[in-house]
C-alpha atoms as a PDB file:
ATOM      1  CA  MET A   1       0.241  -0.088  -0.045  1.00  0.00           C
ATOM      2  CA  ARG A   2       0.933   3.374  -1.006  1.00  0.00           C
ATOM      3  CA  GLN A   3       2.094   5.552   2.066  1.00  0.00           C
ATOM      4  CA  LEU A   4       0.646   9.034   2.779  1.00  0.00           C
ATOM      5  CA  TYR A   5       0.636  11.860   4.827  1.00  0.00           C
ATOM      6  CA  VAL A   6      -2.023  13.776   6.807  1.00  0.00           C
ATOM      7  CA  TYR A   7      -1.408  17.706   6.887  1.00  0.00           C
ATOM      8  CA  ILE A   8      -2.234  20.941   8.070  1.00  0.00           C
ATOM      9  CA  LEU A   9      -1.503  23.956   6.879  1.00  0.00           C
ATOM     10  CA  ALA A  10      -2.525  27.712   7.919  1.00  0.00           C
ATOM     11  CA  THR A  11      -2.839  31.255   7.199  1.00  0.00           C
ATOM     12  CA  PRO A  12      -1.536  34.046   9.511  1.00  0.00           C
ATOM     13  CA  SER A  13      -5.116  34.585  11.092  1.00  0.00           C
ATOM     14  CA  ARG A  14      -4.969  30.744  11.615  1.00  0.00           C
ATOM     15  CA  ARG A  15      -7.778  29.917   8.675  1.00  0.00           C
ATOM     16  CA  LEU A  16      -6.915  26.342   8.512  1.00  0.00           C
ATOM     17  CA  TYR A  17      -6.262  23.644   5.214  1.00  0.00           C
ATOM     18  CA  ILE A  18      -6.385  19.947   5.684  1.00  0.00           C
ATOM     19  CA  GLY A  19      -5.060  17.354   3.496  1.00  0.00           C
ATOM     20  CA  VAL A  20      -3.604  14.278   2.672  1.00  0.00           C
ATOM     21  CA  THR A  21      -0.310  13.366  -0.019  1.00  0.00           C
ATOM     22  CA  ARG A  22       2.072  10.672  -0.458  1.00  0.00           C
ATOM     23  CA  ASP A  23       4.582  13.048  -1.439  1.00  0.00           C
ATOM     24  CA  LEU A  24       4.675  16.109   1.328  1.00  0.00           C
ATOM     25  CA  ARG A  25       7.511  18.306   0.316  1.00  0.00           C
ATOM     26  CA  HIS A  26       6.205  18.747  -3.186  1.00  0.00           C
ATOM     27  CA  ARG A  27       2.431  19.000  -2.249  1.00  0.00           C
ATOM     28  CA  ILE A  28       3.505  21.493   0.244  1.00  0.00           C
ATOM     29  CA  TRP A  29       5.361  23.771  -2.907  1.00  0.00           C
ATOM     30  CA  GLN A  30       2.162  23.271  -4.632  1.00  0.00           C
ATOM     31  CA  HIS A  31       0.512  25.302  -2.634  1.00  0.00           C
ATOM     32  CA  ARG A  32       2.638  28.177  -2.072  1.00  0.00           C
ATOM     33  CA  THR A  33       3.230  27.979  -5.509  1.00  0.00           C
ATOM     34  CA  GLY A  34      -0.804  28.428  -6.145  1.00  0.00           C
ATOM     35  CA  ALA A  35       0.123  25.532  -8.773  1.00  0.00           C
ATOM     36  CA  TYR A  36      -3.786  24.616  -8.361  1.00  0.00           C
ATOM     37  CA  PRO A  37      -6.842  26.897  -7.851  1.00  0.00           C
ATOM     38  CA  GLY A  38      -8.601  25.852  -4.947  1.00  0.00           C
ATOM     39  CA  PHE A  39      -9.196  26.965  -1.348  1.00  0.00           C
ATOM     40  CA  SER A  40      -5.651  27.189  -0.400  1.00  0.00           C
ATOM     41  CA  ALA A  41      -4.487  29.537  -3.273  1.00  0.00           C
ATOM     42  CA  ARG A  42      -7.927  31.556  -2.628  1.00  0.00           C
ATOM     43  CA  TYR A  43      -7.281  32.424   0.643  1.00  0.00           C
ATOM     44  CA  GLY A  44      -3.341  31.891   1.059  1.00  0.00           C
ATOM     45  CA  VAL A  45      -3.216  28.696   3.190  1.00  0.00           C
ATOM     46  CA  THR A  46       0.707  27.966   2.645  1.00  0.00           C
ATOM     47  CA  ARG A  47       2.196  27.346   6.146  1.00  0.00           C
ATOM     48  CA  LEU A  48       2.825  24.037   7.241  1.00  0.00           C
ATOM     49  CA  VAL A  49       2.035  23.672  10.821  1.00  0.00           C
ATOM     50  CA  TYR A  50       1.266  20.131  11.391  1.00  0.00           C
ATOM     51  CA  HIS A  51       1.842  16.473   9.717  1.00  0.00           C
ATOM     52  CA  GLU A  52       1.642  13.169  10.753  1.00  0.00           C
ATOM     53  CA  GLY A  53       2.513  10.035   8.907  1.00  0.00           C
ATOM     54  CA  PRO A  54       3.872   8.470   6.771  1.00  0.00           C
ATOM     55  CA  SER A  55       0.604   5.909   7.171  1.00  0.00           C
ATOM     56  CA  ASP A  56      -0.926   3.408   4.586  1.00  0.00           C
ATOM     57  CA  SER A  57      -3.533   5.205   2.294  1.00  0.00           C
ATOM     58  CA  VAL A  58      -6.954   4.150   3.977  1.00  0.00           C
ATOM     59  CA  ALA A  59      -5.744   4.935   7.437  1.00  0.00           C
ATOM     60  CA  ALA A  60      -4.438   8.370   6.647  1.00  0.00           C
ATOM     61  CA  ILE A  61      -7.806   9.110   4.459  1.00  0.00           C
ATOM     62  CA  VAL A  62      -9.841   7.842   7.593  1.00  0.00           C
ATOM     63  CA  ARG A  63      -7.448  10.127   9.712  1.00  0.00           C
ATOM     64  CA  GLU A  64      -8.161  13.295   7.155  1.00  0.00           C
ATOM     65  CA  LYS A  65     -11.755  13.212   7.390  1.00  0.00           C
ATOM     66  CA  GLN A  66     -11.363  12.244  11.174  1.00  0.00           C
ATOM     67  CA  ILE A  67      -9.604  15.526  11.735  1.00  0.00           C
ATOM     68  CA  LYS A  68     -11.688  17.661   9.331  1.00  0.00           C
ATOM     69  CA  ARG A  69     -15.017  16.611  11.288  1.00  0.00           C
ATOM     70  CA  TRP A  70     -13.293  17.666  14.793  1.00  0.00           C
ATOM     71  CA  THR A  71     -13.994  21.368  15.956  1.00  0.00           C
ATOM     72  CA  ARG A  72     -11.844  23.907  15.406  1.00  0.00           C
ATOM     73  CA  ARG A  73     -10.482  23.986  19.044  1.00  0.00           C
ATOM     74  CA  ARG A  74      -9.998  20.181  19.073  1.00  0.00           C
ATOM     75  CA  LYS A  75      -7.908  21.178  16.039  1.00  0.00           C
ATOM     76  CA  GLN A  76      -5.937  24.014  17.046  1.00  0.00           C
ATOM     77  CA  LEU A  77      -4.884  21.551  20.162  1.00  0.00           C
ATOM     78  CA  LEU A  78      -3.518  18.685  17.836  1.00  0.00           C
ATOM     79  CA  ILE A  79      -1.436  21.491  16.317  1.00  0.00           C
ATOM     80  CA  GLU A  80      -0.182  22.850  19.495  1.00  0.00           C
ATOM     81  CA  ARG A  81       0.916  19.595  20.693  1.00  0.00           C
ATOM     82  CA  GLN A  82       3.750  19.236  18.262  1.00  0.00           C
ATOM     83  CA  ASN A  83       3.757  23.045  17.379  1.00  0.00           C
ATOM     84  CA  LEU A  84       2.982  25.561  20.147  1.00  0.00           C
ATOM     85  CA  GLY A  85       4.042  28.931  18.252  1.00  0.00           C
ATOM     86  CA  TRP A  86       2.204  27.745  14.741  1.00  0.00           C
ATOM     87  CA  LEU A  87       5.562  27.936  13.080  1.00  0.00           C
ATOM     88  CA  ASP A  88       5.802  26.989   9.475  1.00  0.00           C
ATOM     89  CA  LEU A  89       7.579  23.383   9.660  1.00  0.00           C
ATOM     90  CA  ALA A  90       8.699  23.780   5.977  1.00  0.00           C
ATOM     91  CA  VAL A  91      10.172  27.515   6.573  1.00  0.00           C
ATOM     92  CA  ASP A  92      13.685  26.061   5.060  1.00  0.00           C
ATOM     93  CA  TRP A  93      12.799  23.304   2.245  1.00  0.00           C
ATOM     94  CA  PHE A  94      12.275  25.783  -0.601  1.00  0.00           C
ATOM     95  CA  ARG A  95      15.786  28.115   0.035  1.00  0.00           C
END
């Protein structure tokens, strides 16, 4: 089975985007360059604040849907367990 990552992006005002991908680095690059129109391009959601994985494809998709159903506060707590300051975890990936 393919290995996937679940990730959360945020804006400085903490608008969230939750996704799943096989290639986390490439997918973050797509978000940052606006390669595809959609929510993240429209709202400038480009800062990686949380990720987990790799996981098998079924588990990752189930996890993504689970997190999307959570309250905003629960999502914030998940992020803050790994990244208290909401720092960009991919800040050095594209220099």
